[in-house]
Amino acid sequence: MPAEPSTLSTWGLPGMFFVAMLAGSVVPVPSEAMLAALIYNGTPPVMATVVATVGNVLGAVTLYILGQWVSRGGGGALGRWVARRREKEGPRMARVEANLRTWGAPALLMAWLPILGDAFVLAGGFVGVRPLPFVVFVTLGKGLRYAFVALSTAVAM
């Protein structure tokens, strides 16, 4: 029996895509909760997982591009905001950048982590991770997270 849908889950798969895309950037929105709500209300888990993953990766790509742009001296007011955030994150961002330089693109498997994942994605742009490895490893990490949420939800039903 379907649950009473939350406001976000009434948006269906297009809403899932939008919310996951925002969550992949720096906007903290509950993409995992929406994924679970959609599956609980009858959306096929594989379809919901794919839509969430694609949206979340596209959100991460925006951060990656921003990191590249700022590392090349661009950005204006947005670049200054990123620079301030980077300074604020100081040691954490330095560790993330060091990990990316040491481990390369496979370190981007950690992009799914809350808060710290954004630092990995931005650092990927700063240190110059090539686009294809970036997309492959970010997709793998984020896809596995959403698959875990979808499987957990399906089993709990």
C-alpha atoms as a PDB file:
ATOM      1  CA  MET A   1       0.000   0.000   0.000  1.00  0.00           C
ATOM      2  CA  PRO A   2       1.586   3.298  -1.078  1.00  0.00           C
ATOM      3  CA  ALA A   3       2.399   5.860   1.569  1.00  0.00           C
ATOM      4  CA  GLU A   4       1.077   9.385   1.512  1.00  0.00           C
ATOM      5  CA  PRO A   5       3.516  11.058  -0.908  1.00  0.00           C
ATOM      6  CA  SER A   6       5.646  13.908   0.328  1.00  0.00           C
ATOM      7  CA  THR A   7       5.622  17.134  -1.632  1.00  0.00           C
ATOM      8  CA  LEU A   8       8.933  16.291  -3.279  1.00  0.00           C
ATOM      9  CA  SER A   9       7.936  12.774  -4.274  1.00  0.00           C
ATOM     10  CA  THR A  10       4.828  14.060  -6.084  1.00  0.00           C
ATOM     11  CA  TRP A  11       7.228  15.546  -8.658  1.00  0.00           C
ATOM     12  CA  GLY A  12       8.083  12.024  -9.787  1.00  0.00           C
ATOM     13  CA  LEU A  13      11.201  11.246 -11.779  1.00  0.00           C
ATOM     14  CA  PRO A  14      11.666  14.797 -13.147  1.00  0.00           C
ATOM     15  CA  GLY A  15      11.616  16.025  -9.548  1.00  0.00           C
ATOM     16  CA  MET A  16      14.087  13.299  -8.577  1.00  0.00           C
ATOM     17  CA  PHE A  17      16.428  14.457 -11.330  1.00  0.00           C
ATOM     18  CA  PHE A  18      16.168  18.107 -10.242  1.00  0.00           C
ATOM     19  CA  VAL A  19      16.634  17.381  -6.539  1.00  0.00           C
ATOM     20  CA  ALA A  20      19.554  15.017  -7.200  1.00  0.00           C
ATOM     21  CA  MET A  21      21.187  17.627  -9.430  1.00  0.00           C
ATOM     22  CA  LEU A  22      20.909  20.234  -6.684  1.00  0.00           C
ATOM     23  CA  ALA A  23      22.259  17.743  -4.146  1.00  0.00           C
ATOM     24  CA  GLY A  24      25.225  17.065  -6.442  1.00  0.00           C
ATOM     25  CA  SER A  25      26.142  20.724  -6.313  1.00  0.00           C
ATOM     26  CA  VAL A  26      26.516  22.652  -3.050  1.00  0.00           C
ATOM     27  CA  VAL A  27      22.785  22.780  -2.235  1.00  0.00           C
ATOM     28  CA  PRO A  28      21.920  20.443   0.653  1.00  0.00           C
ATOM     29  CA  VAL A  29      18.664  18.723  -0.349  1.00  0.00           C
ATOM     30  CA  PRO A  30      17.376  15.279   0.669  1.00  0.00           C
ATOM     31  CA  SER A  31      17.899  13.343  -2.559  1.00  0.00           C
ATOM     32  CA  GLU A  32      18.205   9.983  -0.774  1.00  0.00           C
ATOM     33  CA  ALA A  33      14.934  10.550   1.093  1.00  0.00           C
ATOM     34  CA  MET A  34      13.191  11.454  -2.141  1.00  0.00           C
ATOM     35  CA  LEU A  35      14.583   8.351  -3.833  1.00  0.00           C
ATOM     36  CA  ALA A  36      13.258   6.188  -1.004  1.00  0.00           C
ATOM     37  CA  ALA A  37       9.849   7.925  -1.121  1.00  0.00           C
ATOM     38  CA  LEU A  38       9.566   7.407  -4.883  1.00  0.00           C
ATOM     39  CA  ILE A  39      10.425   3.717  -4.605  1.00  0.00           C
ATOM     40  CA  TYR A  40       8.057   3.270  -1.666  1.00  0.00           C
ATOM     41  CA  ASN A  41       5.300   4.845  -3.748  1.00  0.00           C
ATOM     42  CA  GLY A  42       5.794   2.493  -6.688  1.00  0.00           C
ATOM     43  CA  THR A  43       8.509   3.916  -8.929  1.00  0.00           C
ATOM     44  CA  PRO A  44      10.707   1.092 -10.256  1.00  0.00           C
ATOM     45  CA  PRO A  45      13.932   1.103  -8.186  1.00  0.00           C
ATOM     46  CA  VAL A  46      16.295   0.749 -11.156  1.00  0.00           C
ATOM     47  CA  MET A  47      14.700   3.652 -13.022  1.00  0.00           C
ATOM     48  CA  ALA A  48      14.690   5.878  -9.939  1.00  0.00           C
ATOM     49  CA  THR A  49      18.320   4.991  -9.196  1.00  0.00           C
ATOM     50  CA  VAL A  50      19.460   5.810 -12.738  1.00  0.00           C
ATOM     51  CA  VAL A  51      17.612   9.151 -12.760  1.00  0.00           C
ATOM     52  CA  ALA A  52      18.997  10.096  -9.339  1.00  0.00           C
ATOM     53  CA  THR A  53      22.527   9.124 -10.340  1.00  0.00           C
ATOM     54  CA  VAL A  54      22.462  11.046 -13.621  1.00  0.00           C
ATOM     55  CA  GLY A  55      21.066  14.159 -11.932  1.00  0.00           C
ATOM     56  CA  ASN A  56      23.575  13.965  -9.084  1.00  0.00           C
ATOM     57  CA  VAL A  57      26.523  13.495 -11.447  1.00  0.00           C
ATOM     58  CA  LEU A  58      25.415  16.472 -13.552  1.00  0.00           C
ATOM     59  CA  GLY A  59      25.303  18.551 -10.377  1.00  0.00           C
ATOM     60  CA  ALA A  60      28.834  17.386  -9.578  1.00  0.00           C
ATOM     61  CA  VAL A  61      29.965  18.319 -13.083  1.00  0.00           C
ATOM     62  CA  THR A  62      28.887  21.911 -12.397  1.00  0.00           C
ATOM     63  CA  LEU A  63      31.179  21.972  -9.344  1.00  0.00           C
ATOM     64  CA  TYR A  64      33.991  20.365 -11.330  1.00  0.00           C
ATOM     65  CA  ILE A  65      33.708  23.013 -14.046  1.00  0.00           C
ATOM     66  CA  LEU A  66      33.594  25.719 -11.394  1.00  0.00           C
ATOM     67  CA  GLY A  67      36.771  24.301  -9.827  1.00  0.00           C
ATOM     68  CA  GLN A  68      38.530  24.323 -13.197  1.00  0.00           C
ATOM     69  CA  TRP A  69      37.357  27.837 -13.966  1.00  0.00           C
ATOM     70  CA  VAL A  70      38.467  29.253 -10.621  1.00  0.00           C
ATOM     71  CA  SER A  71      41.831  27.445 -10.782  1.00  0.00           C
ATOM     72  CA  ARG A  72      42.467  29.270 -14.064  1.00  0.00           C
ATOM     73  CA  GLY A  73      41.794  32.647 -12.453  1.00  0.00           C
ATOM     74  CA  GLY A  74      38.196  33.106 -13.547  1.00  0.00           C
ATOM     75  CA  GLY A  75      35.086  33.481 -11.577  1.00  0.00           C
ATOM     76  CA  GLY A  76      34.467  37.090 -10.576  1.00  0.00           C
ATOM     77  CA  ALA A  77      32.176  37.208  -7.534  1.00  0.00           C
ATOM     78  CA  LEU A  78      31.532  33.474  -7.783  1.00  0.00           C
ATOM     79  CA  GLY A  79      35.255  32.800  -7.939  1.00  0.00           C
ATOM     80  CA  ARG A  80      35.804  34.926  -4.840  1.00  0.00           C
ATOM     81  CA  TRP A  81      33.080  32.957  -3.040  1.00  0.00           C
ATOM     82  CA  VAL A  82      34.767  29.668  -3.982  1.00  0.00           C
ATOM     83  CA  ALA A  83      38.146  31.035  -2.883  1.00  0.00           C
ATOM     84  CA  ARG A  84      36.662  32.069   0.497  1.00  0.00           C
ATOM     85  CA  ARG A  85      35.063  28.652   0.894  1.00  0.00           C
ATOM     86  CA  ARG A  86      38.338  26.994  -0.028  1.00  0.00           C
ATOM     87  CA  GLU A  87      40.180  29.088   2.577  1.00  0.00           C
ATOM     88  CA  LYS A  88      37.496  28.322   5.166  1.00  0.00           C
ATOM     89  CA  GLU A  89      37.863  24.594   4.492  1.00  0.00           C
ATOM     90  CA  GLY A  90      41.659  25.097   4.614  1.00  0.00           C
ATOM     91  CA  PRO A  91      43.210  21.891   5.957  1.00  0.00           C
ATOM     92  CA  ARG A  92      40.362  19.649   4.793  1.00  0.00           C
ATOM     93  CA  MET A  93      40.561  20.996   1.239  1.00  0.00           C
ATOM     94  CA  ALA A  94      44.360  20.667   1.272  1.00  0.00           C
ATOM     95  CA  ARG A  95      44.031  16.992   2.328  1.00  0.00           C
ATOM     96  CA  VAL A  96      41.450  16.340  -0.375  1.00  0.00           C
ATOM     97  CA  GLU A  97      43.651  17.946  -3.034  1.00  0.00           C
ATOM     98  CA  ALA A  98      46.648  15.936  -1.779  1.00  0.00           C
ATOM     99  CA  ASN A  99      44.591  12.721  -1.958  1.00  0.00           C
ATOM    100  CA  LEU A 100      43.572  13.537  -5.522  1.00  0.00           C
ATOM    101  CA  ARG A 101      47.165  14.232  -6.513  1.00  0.00           C
ATOM    102  CA  THR A 102      48.292  10.971  -4.865  1.00  0.00           C
ATOM    103  CA  TRP A 103      45.475   8.623  -5.876  1.00  0.00           C
ATOM    104  CA  GLY A 104      44.209  10.422  -8.969  1.00  0.00           C
ATOM    105  CA  ALA A 105      40.693  10.045 -10.283  1.00  0.00           C
ATOM    106  CA  PRO A 106      39.872   6.881  -8.227  1.00  0.00           C
ATOM    107  CA  ALA A 107      39.797   9.133  -5.140  1.00  0.00           C
ATOM    108  CA  LEU A 108      36.628  10.596  -6.647  1.00  0.00           C
ATOM    109  CA  LEU A 109      34.799   7.448  -5.580  1.00  0.00           C
ATOM    110  CA  MET A 110      34.468   9.404  -2.316  1.00  0.00           C
ATOM    111  CA  ALA A 111      32.380  12.106  -4.028  1.00  0.00           C
ATOM    112  CA  TRP A 112      29.222  10.531  -2.590  1.00  0.00           C
ATOM    113  CA  LEU A 113      30.162  11.483   0.988  1.00  0.00           C
ATOM    114  CA  PRO A 114      28.054  14.207   2.604  1.00  0.00           C
ATOM    115  CA  ILE A 115      29.846  17.598   2.725  1.00  0.00           C
ATOM    116  CA  LEU A 116      33.311  16.135   2.078  1.00  0.00           C
ATOM    117  CA  GLY A 117      32.163  14.865  -1.325  1.00  0.00           C
ATOM    118  CA  ASP A 118      31.708  18.443  -2.553  1.00  0.00           C
ATOM    119  CA  ALA A 119      35.315  19.126  -1.608  1.00  0.00           C
ATOM    120  CA  PHE A 120      36.456  16.115  -3.662  1.00  0.00           C
ATOM    121  CA  VAL A 121      34.475  17.300  -6.676  1.00  0.00           C
ATOM    122  CA  LEU A 122      35.729  20.900  -6.463  1.00  0.00           C
ATOM    123  CA  ALA A 123      39.280  19.652  -5.912  1.00  0.00           C
ATOM    124  CA  GLY A 124      38.934  17.467  -8.997  1.00  0.00           C
ATOM    125  CA  GLY A 125      38.504  20.639 -11.003  1.00  0.00           C
ATOM    126  CA  PHE A 126      41.277  22.474  -9.149  1.00  0.00           C
ATOM    127  CA  VAL A 127      43.903  19.765  -9.655  1.00  0.00           C
ATOM    128  CA  GLY A 128      42.947  19.079 -13.255  1.00  0.00           C
ATOM    129  CA  VAL A 129      41.464  15.579 -13.201  1.00  0.00           C
ATOM    130  CA  ARG A 130      40.558  14.796 -16.811  1.00  0.00           C
ATOM    131  CA  PRO A 131      36.815  14.860 -17.613  1.00  0.00           C
ATOM    132  CA  LEU A 132      36.285  11.201 -18.573  1.00  0.00           C
ATOM    133  CA  PRO A 133      37.916   9.694 -15.459  1.00  0.00           C
ATOM    134  CA  PHE A 134      36.104  12.321 -13.378  1.00  0.00           C
ATOM    135  CA  VAL A 135      32.703  11.291 -14.731  1.00  0.00           C
ATOM    136  CA  VAL A 136      33.450   7.561 -14.508  1.00  0.00           C
ATOM    137  CA  PHE A 137      34.563   7.566 -10.855  1.00  0.00           C
ATOM    138  CA  VAL A 138      32.000  10.097  -9.639  1.00  0.00           C
ATOM    139  CA  THR A 139      29.230   8.125 -11.376  1.00  0.00           C
ATOM    140  CA  LEU A 140      30.425   4.879  -9.849  1.00  0.00           C
ATOM    141  CA  GLY A 141      30.568   6.310  -6.314  1.00  0.00           C
ATOM    142  CA  LYS A 142      27.278   8.158  -6.474  1.00  0.00           C
ATOM    143  CA  GLY A 143      25.536   5.328  -8.335  1.00  0.00           C
ATOM    144  CA  LEU A 144      26.549   2.796  -5.709  1.00  0.00           C
ATOM    145  CA  ARG A 145      25.222   5.057  -2.958  1.00  0.00           C
ATOM    146  CA  TYR A 146      21.848   5.427  -4.674  1.00  0.00           C
ATOM    147  CA  ALA A 147      21.736   1.693  -5.444  1.00  0.00           C
ATOM    148  CA  PHE A 148      22.285   0.985  -1.747  1.00  0.00           C
ATOM    149  CA  VAL A 149      19.444   3.364  -0.786  1.00  0.00           C
ATOM    150  CA  ALA A 150      17.143   1.834  -3.425  1.00  0.00           C
ATOM    151  CA  LEU A 151      17.949  -1.725  -2.386  1.00  0.00           C
ATOM    152  CA  SER A 152      17.510  -0.893   1.300  1.00  0.00           C
ATOM    153  CA  THR A 153      14.143   0.697   0.568  1.00  0.00           C
ATOM    154  CA  ALA A 154      12.949  -2.206  -1.578  1.00  0.00           C
ATOM    155  CA  VAL A 155      13.982  -4.752   1.057  1.00  0.00           C
ATOM    156  CA  ALA A 156      12.280  -2.769   3.826  1.00  0.00           C
ATOM    157  CA  MET A 157       8.960  -2.753   1.968  1.00  0.00           C
END
